[in-house]
Amino acid sequence: MMDHLFKSSRRIRYELLLTLLLPQMSQAEEWINQGEEKFEFGIGVFLPSFTSKVRVDNSTLDTGTSIDLEDDLGLSSKESTYWVNGIWRFSPNHRISLAYFGFSRDSVATALTDIEIGEEIFPAGATMTTTFDFQSIPLIYSYSFIKSAKHELAGSFGLHIDRLELKIKGDAFLSGTGEVDGEVNAKAQAPLPLFGIDYEYHASKRWTHGIHAEFFSLDLEDTDFGFSGTIFNIRASTEYWFYNQFGVGFAVNWFSMDVDVNDSDWRGRIDYEYLGPQVYANMRF
């Protein structure tokens, strides 16, 4: 009798345990389709090539020398850095993304001609020690006008919080004058508004291809804003999901900034461009 009760009790516990676990197992195996995730996170490496020209005017608004940072001052035209990204889809057609990446390049080179930077004039033959930092935090809101199992087309508005800093120190020895040196530190930072469009094609439940393009153009006399000119940002990507919550991606990103700067710490011009691949891993929930 007791043995029968014990077996019955054990069978009831097994049945109760299966009742509790089966829905969770079914839920765990349910595939997250593209566009149905709530959170997505990516981390990887970015390997761009650069073209950088800058001009720093002095306080009396005399135009400085336009400098090619790679050709004139020896900065590397290639660099690698890490890249992180997060997306929150807070409703089916609305999402917010936030990313971060930055570059720091430095060099030591000899000036081939006289260079005027800010308040300093560096003579030909001067030893130029240069550091150029760029950091970007794109914050973007997107609304999907078209959303289906295969296609998602969205318009976007965002802020590129970009920070640029240029440090140059020059040392030279002039006959009759002796050793001369000078140092320039110019920096600019602004949240730049960008409008864009985003398209994703879901080739299968594992493959997604997409392109994201943004544009900024302002011609402002407002010195508090500090930037006027154009910015383009275009990124094409493809992603493959090995598992329900893990995938990998490959992207190519082109960014171009051609702006006049009228900031308290930098007056002049910045022509800055990079192009390169991103390789990253993704997680979604």
C-alpha atoms as a PDB file:
ATOM      1  CA  MET A   1       0.000   0.000   0.000  1.00  0.00           C
ATOM      2  CA  MET A   2       2.727   2.433   1.007  1.00  0.00           C
ATOM      3  CA  ASP A   3       4.757   1.413  -2.039  1.00  0.00           C
ATOM      4  CA  HIS A   4       1.771   2.115  -4.290  1.00  0.00           C
ATOM      5  CA  LEU A   5       1.260   5.538  -2.709  1.00  0.00           C
ATOM      6  CA  PHE A   6       4.943   6.314  -3.101  1.00  0.00           C
ATOM      7  CA  LYS A   7       4.880   5.395  -6.810  1.00  0.00           C
ATOM      8  CA  SER A   8       1.721   7.433  -7.367  1.00  0.00           C
ATOM      9  CA  SER A   9       3.226  10.445  -5.611  1.00  0.00           C
ATOM     10  CA  ARG A  10       6.406  10.171  -7.670  1.00  0.00           C
ATOM     11  CA  ARG A  11       4.419   9.949 -10.921  1.00  0.00           C
ATOM     12  CA  ILE A  12       2.414  13.037  -9.960  1.00  0.00           C
ATOM     13  CA  ARG A  13       5.648  14.961  -9.278  1.00  0.00           C
ATOM     14  CA  TYR A  14       7.058  13.941 -12.681  1.00  0.00           C
ATOM     15  CA  GLU A  15       3.875  14.991 -14.434  1.00  0.00           C
ATOM     16  CA  LEU A  16       3.857  18.309 -12.569  1.00  0.00           C
ATOM     17  CA  LEU A  17       7.533  18.887 -13.427  1.00  0.00           C
ATOM     18  CA  LEU A  18       6.908  18.182 -17.134  1.00  0.00           C
ATOM     19  CA  THR A  19       3.896  20.497 -17.083  1.00  0.00           C
ATOM     20  CA  LEU A  20       6.107  23.319 -15.774  1.00  0.00           C
ATOM     21  CA  LEU A  21       9.117  22.674 -18.014  1.00  0.00           C
ATOM     22  CA  LEU A  22       7.551  21.907 -21.385  1.00  0.00           C
ATOM     23  CA  PRO A  23       6.235  25.456 -22.041  1.00  0.00           C
ATOM     24  CA  GLN A  24       9.648  26.900 -21.129  1.00  0.00           C
ATOM     25  CA  MET A  25      11.440  24.388 -23.370  1.00  0.00           C
ATOM     26  CA  SER A  26       9.088  25.215 -26.202  1.00  0.00           C
ATOM     27  CA  GLN A  27       9.644  28.924 -25.622  1.00  0.00           C
ATOM     28  CA  ALA A  28      13.437  28.475 -25.526  1.00  0.00           C
ATOM     29  CA  GLU A  29      13.372  26.698 -28.885  1.00  0.00           C
ATOM     30  CA  GLU A  30      11.175  29.323 -30.533  1.00  0.00           C
ATOM     31  CA  TRP A  31      13.233  31.198 -33.148  1.00  0.00           C
ATOM     32  CA  ILE A  32      13.551  34.981 -32.834  1.00  0.00           C
ATOM     33  CA  ASN A  33      12.759  36.303 -36.300  1.00  0.00           C
ATOM     34  CA  GLN A  34      14.538  39.384 -37.602  1.00  0.00           C
ATOM     35  CA  GLY A  35      12.693  42.498 -36.576  1.00  0.00           C
ATOM     36  CA  GLU A  36      11.104  40.787 -33.559  1.00  0.00           C
ATOM     37  CA  GLU A  37      14.029  41.056 -31.167  1.00  0.00           C
ATOM     38  CA  LYS A  38      13.727  43.475 -28.261  1.00  0.00           C
ATOM     39  CA  PHE A  39      17.446  44.005 -27.606  1.00  0.00           C
ATOM     40  CA  GLU A  40      20.454  43.484 -29.852  1.00  0.00           C
ATOM     41  CA  PHE A  41      24.125  44.006 -28.969  1.00  0.00           C
ATOM     42  CA  GLY A  42      27.192  43.927 -31.197  1.00  0.00           C
ATOM     43  CA  ILE A  43      30.924  44.141 -30.550  1.00  0.00           C
ATOM     44  CA  GLY A  44      33.792  43.826 -32.994  1.00  0.00           C
ATOM     45  CA  VAL A  45      36.734  45.458 -34.737  1.00  0.00           C
ATOM     46  CA  PHE A  46      36.840  48.336 -37.217  1.00  0.00           C
ATOM     47  CA  LEU A  47      39.696  48.604 -39.751  1.00  0.00           C
ATOM     48  CA  PRO A  48      39.371  51.850 -41.726  1.00  0.00           C
ATOM     49  CA  SER A  49      41.647  53.863 -44.008  1.00  0.00           C
ATOM     50  CA  PHE A  50      41.784  57.652 -43.540  1.00  0.00           C
ATOM     51  CA  THR A  51      42.103  60.864 -45.514  1.00  0.00           C
ATOM     52  CA  SER A  52      42.456  63.887 -43.227  1.00  0.00           C
ATOM     53  CA  LYS A  53      42.987  67.557 -44.054  1.00  0.00           C
ATOM     54  CA  VAL A  54      42.704  70.296 -41.434  1.00  0.00           C
ATOM     55  CA  ARG A  55      43.225  74.027 -41.111  1.00  0.00           C
ATOM     56  CA  VAL A  56      43.548  75.960 -37.853  1.00  0.00           C
ATOM     57  CA  ASP A  57      43.180  79.746 -38.126  1.00  0.00           C
ATOM     58  CA  ASN A  58      44.569  82.160 -35.553  1.00  0.00           C
ATOM     59  CA  SER A  59      42.691  84.522 -33.247  1.00  0.00           C
ATOM     60  CA  THR A  60      42.865  87.407 -35.742  1.00  0.00           C
ATOM     61  CA  LEU A  61      41.106  85.165 -38.299  1.00  0.00           C
ATOM     62  CA  ASP A  62      44.143  84.895 -40.544  1.00  0.00           C
ATOM     63  CA  THR A  63      43.811  81.711 -42.559  1.00  0.00           C
ATOM     64  CA  GLY A  64      46.173  78.953 -41.485  1.00  0.00           C
ATOM     65  CA  THR A  65      47.894  76.399 -43.700  1.00  0.00           C
ATOM     66  CA  SER A  66      45.769  73.528 -45.034  1.00  0.00           C
ATOM     67  CA  ILE A  67      47.551  70.399 -43.799  1.00  0.00           C
ATOM     68  CA  ASP A  68      47.255  66.844 -45.064  1.00  0.00           C
ATOM     69  CA  LEU A  69      47.770  64.921 -41.819  1.00  0.00           C
ATOM     70  CA  GLU A  70      48.886  61.750 -43.594  1.00  0.00           C
ATOM     71  CA  ASP A  71      51.148  63.230 -46.293  1.00  0.00           C
ATOM     72  CA  ASP A  72      52.461  66.321 -44.488  1.00  0.00           C
ATOM     73  CA  LEU A  73      52.689  65.133 -40.883  1.00  0.00           C
ATOM     74  CA  GLY A  74      53.099  61.380 -41.294  1.00  0.00           C
ATOM     75  CA  LEU A  75      49.946  60.088 -39.586  1.00  0.00           C
ATOM     76  CA  SER A  76      49.132  56.503 -40.494  1.00  0.00           C
ATOM     77  CA  SER A  77      46.437  56.176 -43.159  1.00  0.00           C
ATOM     78  CA  LYS A  78      45.191  52.923 -41.562  1.00  0.00           C
ATOM     79  CA  GLU A  79      44.123  52.155 -38.010  1.00  0.00           C
ATOM     80  CA  SER A  80      42.158  49.538 -36.085  1.00  0.00           C
ATOM     81  CA  THR A  81      39.831  49.996 -33.151  1.00  0.00           C
ATOM     82  CA  TYR A  82      36.945  48.262 -31.386  1.00  0.00           C
ATOM     83  CA  TRP A  83      33.314  49.019 -32.181  1.00  0.00           C
ATOM     84  CA  VAL A  84      30.253  48.478 -29.972  1.00  0.00           C
ATOM     85  CA  ASN A  85      26.568  48.884 -30.753  1.00  0.00           C
ATOM     86  CA  GLY A  86      23.253  48.416 -28.994  1.00  0.00           C
ATOM     87  CA  ILE A  87      19.652  48.483 -30.290  1.00  0.00           C
ATOM     88  CA  TRP A  88      16.452  48.692 -28.252  1.00  0.00           C
ATOM     89  CA  ARG A  89      13.256  47.939 -30.200  1.00  0.00           C
ATOM     90  CA  PHE A  90      10.723  49.295 -27.758  1.00  0.00           C
ATOM     91  CA  SER A  91       7.799  48.620 -30.112  1.00  0.00           C
ATOM     92  CA  PRO A  92       7.533  46.730 -33.425  1.00  0.00           C
ATOM     93  CA  ASN A  93       8.096  49.832 -35.603  1.00  0.00           C
ATOM     94  CA  HIS A  94      10.226  51.949 -33.267  1.00  0.00           C
ATOM     95  CA  ARG A  95      13.838  51.450 -32.219  1.00  0.00           C
ATOM     96  CA  ILE A  96      16.794  53.363 -30.800  1.00  0.00           C
ATOM     97  CA  SER A  97      20.432  52.509 -31.468  1.00  0.00           C
ATOM     98  CA  LEU A  98      23.600  53.696 -29.744  1.00  0.00           C
ATOM     99  CA  ALA A  99      27.172  52.985 -30.846  1.00  0.00           C
ATOM    100  CA  TYR A 100      30.709  54.013 -29.931  1.00  0.00           C
ATOM    101  CA  PHE A 101      34.105  53.922 -31.604  1.00  0.00           C
ATOM    102  CA  GLY A 102      37.186  56.123 -31.614  1.00  0.00           C
ATOM    103  CA  PHE A 103      40.612  56.494 -33.195  1.00  0.00           C
ATOM    104  CA  SER A 104      43.876  57.929 -31.918  1.00  0.00           C
ATOM    105  CA  ARG A 105      46.798  58.404 -34.287  1.00  0.00           C
ATOM    106  CA  ASP A 106      50.182  59.963 -33.647  1.00  0.00           C
ATOM    107  CA  SER A 107      53.391  60.565 -35.558  1.00  0.00           C
ATOM    108  CA  VAL A 108      56.750  62.336 -35.642  1.00  0.00           C
ATOM    109  CA  ALA A 109      57.744  63.930 -38.967  1.00  0.00           C
ATOM    110  CA  THR A 110      59.828  66.737 -40.450  1.00  0.00           C
ATOM    111  CA  ALA A 111      58.053  69.766 -41.940  1.00  0.00           C
ATOM    112  CA  LEU A 112      58.939  70.113 -45.618  1.00  0.00           C
ATOM    113  CA  THR A 113      57.646  73.705 -45.865  1.00  0.00           C
ATOM    114  CA  ASP A 114      56.667  76.487 -43.456  1.00  0.00           C
ATOM    115  CA  ILE A 115      53.377  75.616 -41.752  1.00  0.00           C
ATOM    116  CA  GLU A 116      51.075  78.103 -40.020  1.00  0.00           C
ATOM    117  CA  ILE A 117      48.814  76.477 -37.428  1.00  0.00           C
ATOM    118  CA  GLY A 118      46.817  78.705 -35.125  1.00  0.00           C
ATOM    119  CA  GLU A 119      49.150  81.200 -33.492  1.00  0.00           C
ATOM    120  CA  GLU A 120      52.299  79.299 -34.464  1.00  0.00           C
ATOM    121  CA  ILE A 121      54.457  79.257 -37.604  1.00  0.00           C
ATOM    122  CA  PHE A 122      56.622  76.150 -37.854  1.00  0.00           C
ATOM    123  CA  PRO A 123      59.548  76.546 -40.276  1.00  0.00           C
ATOM    124  CA  ALA A 124      60.615  73.960 -42.829  1.00  0.00           C
ATOM    125  CA  GLY A 125      62.848  71.410 -41.153  1.00  0.00           C
ATOM    126  CA  ALA A 126      61.026  71.555 -37.818  1.00  0.00           C
ATOM    127  CA  THR A 127      60.351  68.246 -36.057  1.00  0.00           C
ATOM    128  CA  MET A 128      56.562  67.923 -35.787  1.00  0.00           C
ATOM    129  CA  THR A 129      55.001  65.670 -33.154  1.00  0.00           C
ATOM    130  CA  THR A 130      51.314  65.169 -33.949  1.00  0.00           C
ATOM    131  CA  THR A 131      48.347  63.501 -32.235  1.00  0.00           C
ATOM    132  CA  PHE A 132      44.877  63.407 -33.779  1.00  0.00           C
ATOM    133  CA  ASP A 133      41.942  61.905 -31.856  1.00  0.00           C
ATOM    134  CA  PHE A 134      38.454  61.231 -33.173  1.00  0.00           C
ATOM    135  CA  GLN A 135      35.570  59.812 -31.129  1.00  0.00           C
ATOM    136  CA  SER A 136      32.019  59.220 -32.315  1.00  0.00           C
ATOM    137  CA  ILE A 137      28.822  58.310 -30.450  1.00  0.00           C
ATOM    138  CA  PRO A 138      25.920  57.941 -32.936  1.00  0.00           C
ATOM    139  CA  LEU A 139      22.501  58.018 -31.231  1.00  0.00           C
ATOM    140  CA  ILE A 140      19.741  57.202 -33.739  1.00  0.00           C
ATOM    141  CA  TYR A 141      15.959  56.813 -33.604  1.00  0.00           C
ATOM    142  CA  SER A 142      14.312  54.840 -36.436  1.00  0.00           C
ATOM    143  CA  TYR A 143      10.678  54.399 -37.433  1.00  0.00           C
ATOM    144  CA  SER A 144       9.732  51.576 -39.806  1.00  0.00           C
ATOM    145  CA  PHE A 145       7.348  52.673 -42.549  1.00  0.00           C
ATOM    146  CA  ILE A 146       7.413  49.199 -44.100  1.00  0.00           C
ATOM    147  CA  LYS A 147       7.820  46.070 -41.984  1.00  0.00           C
ATOM    148  CA  SER A 148       7.219  42.517 -43.191  1.00  0.00           C
ATOM    149  CA  ALA A 149       8.795  39.090 -42.901  1.00  0.00           C
ATOM    150  CA  LYS A 150      11.227  39.926 -45.743  1.00  0.00           C
ATOM    151  CA  HIS A 151      11.603  43.713 -45.783  1.00  0.00           C
ATOM    152  CA  GLU A 152      11.974  46.568 -43.307  1.00  0.00           C
ATOM    153  CA  LEU A 153      12.311  50.182 -44.471  1.00  0.00           C
ATOM    154  CA  ALA A 154      12.754  52.909 -41.889  1.00  0.00           C
ATOM    155  CA  GLY A 155      13.450  56.610 -41.688  1.00  0.00           C
ATOM    156  CA  SER A 156      15.860  57.784 -39.016  1.00  0.00           C
ATOM    157  CA  PHE A 157      16.885  60.886 -37.138  1.00  0.00           C
ATOM    158  CA  GLY A 158      19.876  61.012 -34.873  1.00  0.00           C
ATOM    159  CA  LEU A 159      22.776  62.850 -33.338  1.00  0.00           C
ATOM    160  CA  HIS A 160      26.412  62.131 -34.100  1.00  0.00           C
ATOM    161  CA  ILE A 161      28.255  63.299 -31.010  1.00  0.00           C
ATOM    162  CA  ASP A 162      31.676  63.714 -32.594  1.00  0.00           C
ATOM    163  CA  ARG A 163      34.805  64.907 -30.815  1.00  0.00           C
ATOM    164  CA  LEU A 164      38.007  65.843 -32.638  1.00  0.00           C
ATOM    165  CA  GLU A 165      41.272  66.970 -31.054  1.00  0.00           C
ATOM    166  CA  LEU A 166      44.512  67.938 -32.791  1.00  0.00           C
ATOM    167  CA  LYS A 167      47.779  68.387 -30.902  1.00  0.00           C
ATOM    168  CA  ILE A 168      50.932  69.513 -32.679  1.00  0.00           C
ATOM    169  CA  LYS A 169      54.286  70.329 -31.161  1.00  0.00           C
ATOM    170  CA  GLY A 170      57.147  71.625 -33.299  1.00  0.00           C
ATOM    171  CA  ASP A 171      60.866  71.970 -32.511  1.00  0.00           C
ATOM    172  CA  ALA A 172      63.451  73.571 -34.798  1.00  0.00           C
ATOM    173  CA  PHE A 173      66.944  75.052 -34.663  1.00  0.00           C
ATOM    174  CA  LEU A 174      67.428  78.239 -36.698  1.00  0.00           C
ATOM    175  CA  SER A 175      70.822  79.760 -37.331  1.00  0.00           C
ATOM    176  CA  GLY A 176      71.114  83.122 -35.617  1.00  0.00           C
ATOM    177  CA  THR A 177      68.037  82.438 -33.517  1.00  0.00           C
ATOM    178  CA  GLY A 178      68.780  79.159 -31.843  1.00  0.00           C
ATOM    179  CA  GLU A 179      66.214  76.614 -30.814  1.00  0.00           C
ATOM    180  CA  VAL A 180      62.565  77.558 -31.274  1.00  0.00           C
ATOM    181  CA  ASP A 181      59.470  75.572 -30.423  1.00  0.00           C
ATOM    182  CA  GLY A 182      55.735  75.932 -30.385  1.00  0.00           C
ATOM    183  CA  GLU A 183      52.615  73.960 -29.527  1.00  0.00           C
ATOM    184  CA  VAL A 184      49.042  73.961 -30.814  1.00  0.00           C
ATOM    185  CA  ASN A 185      46.008  72.270 -29.272  1.00  0.00           C
ATOM    186  CA  ALA A 186      42.741  72.548 -31.217  1.00  0.00           C
ATOM    187  CA  LYS A 187      39.558  70.650 -30.402  1.00  0.00           C
ATOM    188  CA  ALA A 188      35.933  70.666 -31.483  1.00  0.00           C
ATOM    189  CA  GLN A 189      32.859  68.810 -30.275  1.00  0.00           C
ATOM    190  CA  ALA A 190      29.212  69.000 -31.226  1.00  0.00           C
ATOM    191  CA  PRO A 191      26.062  66.890 -31.424  1.00  0.00           C
ATOM    192  CA  LEU A 192      25.477  66.957 -35.186  1.00  0.00           C
ATOM    193  CA  PRO A 193      21.905  66.176 -36.353  1.00  0.00           C
ATOM    194  CA  LEU A 194      21.682  63.605 -39.149  1.00  0.00           C
ATOM    195  CA  PHE A 195      18.684  62.403 -41.146  1.00  0.00           C
ATOM    196  CA  GLY A 196      18.785  58.991 -42.762  1.00  0.00           C
ATOM    197  CA  ILE A 197      17.160  55.919 -44.209  1.00  0.00           C
ATOM    198  CA  ASP A 198      17.582  52.284 -43.197  1.00  0.00           C
ATOM    199  CA  TYR A 199      16.685  49.176 -45.225  1.00  0.00           C
ATOM    200  CA  GLU A 200      16.994  45.502 -44.258  1.00  0.00           C
ATOM    201  CA  TYR A 201      16.306  42.454 -46.404  1.00  0.00           C
ATOM    202  CA  HIS A 202      15.731  39.191 -44.531  1.00  0.00           C
ATOM    203  CA  ALA A 203      16.885  36.597 -47.072  1.00  0.00           C
ATOM    204  CA  SER A 204      16.095  33.774 -44.645  1.00  0.00           C
ATOM    205  CA  LYS A 205      15.585  33.304 -40.949  1.00  0.00           C
ATOM    206  CA  ARG A 206      19.388  33.303 -40.556  1.00  0.00           C
ATOM    207  CA  TRP A 207      20.580  35.807 -43.185  1.00  0.00           C
ATOM    208  CA  THR A 208      19.966  39.579 -43.130  1.00  0.00           C
ATOM    209  CA  HIS A 209      21.409  42.199 -45.490  1.00  0.00           C
ATOM    210  CA  GLY A 210      21.066  45.913 -44.838  1.00  0.00           C
ATOM    211  CA  ILE A 211      22.140  49.420 -45.747  1.00  0.00           C
ATOM    212  CA  HIS A 212      22.018  52.551 -43.606  1.00  0.00           C
ATOM    213  CA  ALA A 213      22.641  56.059 -44.972  1.00  0.00           C
ATOM    214  CA  GLU A 214      22.712  59.404 -43.133  1.00  0.00           C
ATOM    215  CA  PHE A 215      23.179  62.990 -44.240  1.00  0.00           C
ATOM    216  CA  PHE A 216      23.847  66.322 -42.540  1.00  0.00           C
ATOM    217  CA  SER A 217      24.046  69.743 -44.171  1.00  0.00           C
ATOM    218  CA  LEU A 218      23.972  73.085 -42.397  1.00  0.00           C
ATOM    219  CA  ASP A 219      25.086  76.575 -43.298  1.00  0.00           C
ATOM    220  CA  LEU A 220      24.875  78.484 -40.046  1.00  0.00           C
ATOM    221  CA  GLU A 221      26.320  81.737 -38.830  1.00  0.00           C
ATOM    222  CA  ASP A 222      25.574  80.760 -35.250  1.00  0.00           C
ATOM    223  CA  THR A 223      28.977  80.591 -33.561  1.00  0.00           C
ATOM    224  CA  ASP A 224      27.477  78.663 -30.637  1.00  0.00           C
ATOM    225  CA  PHE A 225      26.820  75.694 -32.923  1.00  0.00           C
ATOM    226  CA  GLY A 226      30.349  75.685 -34.331  1.00  0.00           C
ATOM    227  CA  PHE A 227      29.908  73.577 -37.496  1.00  0.00           C
ATOM    228  CA  SER A 228      28.678  74.269 -41.018  1.00  0.00           C
ATOM    229  CA  GLY A 229      29.089  72.005 -44.002  1.00  0.00           C
ATOM    230  CA  THR A 230      28.166  68.440 -44.937  1.00  0.00           C
ATOM    231  CA  ILE A 231      28.483  64.986 -43.390  1.00  0.00           C
ATOM    232  CA  PHE A 232      27.727  61.648 -45.046  1.00  0.00           C
ATOM    233  CA  ASN A 233      27.622  58.275 -43.294  1.00  0.00           C
ATOM    234  CA  ILE A 234      26.858  55.072 -45.237  1.00  0.00           C
ATOM    235  CA  ARG A 235      27.066  51.538 -43.863  1.00  0.00           C
ATOM    236  CA  ALA A 236      26.289  48.288 -45.692  1.00  0.00           C
ATOM    237  CA  SER A 237      26.109  45.062 -43.678  1.00  0.00           C
ATOM    238  CA  THR A 238      25.315  41.380 -43.781  1.00  0.00           C
ATOM    239  CA  GLU A 239      24.607  39.209 -40.722  1.00  0.00           C
ATOM    240  CA  TYR A 240      24.251  35.482 -40.152  1.00  0.00           C
ATOM    241  CA  TRP A 241      22.660  33.933 -37.058  1.00  0.00           C
ATOM    242  CA  PHE A 242      24.205  30.587 -36.113  1.00  0.00           C
ATOM    243  CA  TYR A 243      21.911  30.181 -33.140  1.00  0.00           C
ATOM    244  CA  ASN A 244      18.759  31.781 -31.849  1.00  0.00           C
ATOM    245  CA  GLN A 245      20.632  34.451 -29.886  1.00  0.00           C
ATOM    246  CA  PHE A 246      24.104  34.509 -31.456  1.00  0.00           C
ATOM    247  CA  GLY A 247      25.337  35.600 -34.861  1.00  0.00           C
ATOM    248  CA  VAL A 248      28.196  37.295 -36.696  1.00  0.00           C
ATOM    249  CA  GLY A 249      28.269  40.237 -39.055  1.00  0.00           C
ATOM    250  CA  PHE A 250      30.399  41.964 -41.649  1.00  0.00           C
ATOM    251  CA  ALA A 251      29.953  45.610 -42.668  1.00  0.00           C
ATOM    252  CA  VAL A 252      31.652  48.343 -44.674  1.00  0.00           C
ATOM    253  CA  ASN A 253      31.372  51.900 -43.330  1.00  0.00           C
ATOM    254  CA  TRP A 254      32.125  55.139 -45.221  1.00  0.00           C
ATOM    255  CA  PHE A 255      32.116  58.468 -43.388  1.00  0.00           C
ATOM    256  CA  SER A 256      32.876  61.914 -44.827  1.00  0.00           C
ATOM    257  CA  MET A 257      32.984  65.210 -42.922  1.00  0.00           C
ATOM    258  CA  ASP A 258      33.621  68.473 -44.808  1.00  0.00           C
ATOM    259  CA  VAL A 259      32.901  71.284 -42.373  1.00  0.00           C
ATOM    260  CA  ASP A 260      34.000  74.752 -41.406  1.00  0.00           C
ATOM    261  CA  VAL A 261      34.602  75.035 -37.676  1.00  0.00           C
ATOM    262  CA  ASN A 262      33.952  78.162 -35.644  1.00  0.00           C
ATOM    263  CA  ASP A 263      34.462  76.995 -32.093  1.00  0.00           C
ATOM    264  CA  SER A 264      36.261  78.709 -29.238  1.00  0.00           C
ATOM    265  CA  ASP A 265      38.945  75.995 -29.321  1.00  0.00           C
ATOM    266  CA  TRP A 266      39.137  75.535 -33.107  1.00  0.00           C
ATOM    267  CA  ARG A 267      38.568  77.982 -35.945  1.00  0.00           C
ATOM    268  CA  GLY A 268      39.268  76.677 -39.408  1.00  0.00           C
ATOM    269  CA  ARG A 269      38.248  73.652 -41.452  1.00  0.00           C
ATOM    270  CA  ILE A 270      38.081  69.847 -41.203  1.00  0.00           C
ATOM    271  CA  ASP A 271      37.964  67.512 -44.213  1.00  0.00           C
ATOM    272  CA  TYR A 272      37.913  64.047 -42.704  1.00  0.00           C
ATOM    273  CA  GLU A 273      37.072  60.758 -44.366  1.00  0.00           C
ATOM    274  CA  TYR A 274      37.371  57.061 -43.523  1.00  0.00           C
ATOM    275  CA  LEU A 275      36.374  53.838 -45.225  1.00  0.00           C
ATOM    276  CA  GLY A 276      36.782  50.329 -43.923  1.00  0.00           C
ATOM    277  CA  PRO A 277      35.334  46.977 -42.840  1.00  0.00           C
ATOM    278  CA  GLN A 278      33.781  46.001 -39.531  1.00  0.00           C
ATOM    279  CA  VAL A 279      33.735  42.401 -38.299  1.00  0.00           C
ATOM    280  CA  TYR A 280      31.576  41.747 -35.241  1.00  0.00           C
ATOM    281  CA  ALA A 281      29.571  39.326 -33.140  1.00  0.00           C
ATOM    282  CA  ASN A 282      25.883  39.851 -32.320  1.00  0.00           C
ATOM    283  CA  MET A 283      23.566  38.820 -29.498  1.00  0.00           C
ATOM    284  CA  ARG A 284      19.807  39.334 -29.393  1.00  0.00           C
ATOM    285  CA  PHE A 285      16.975  38.783 -26.954  1.00  0.00           C
END
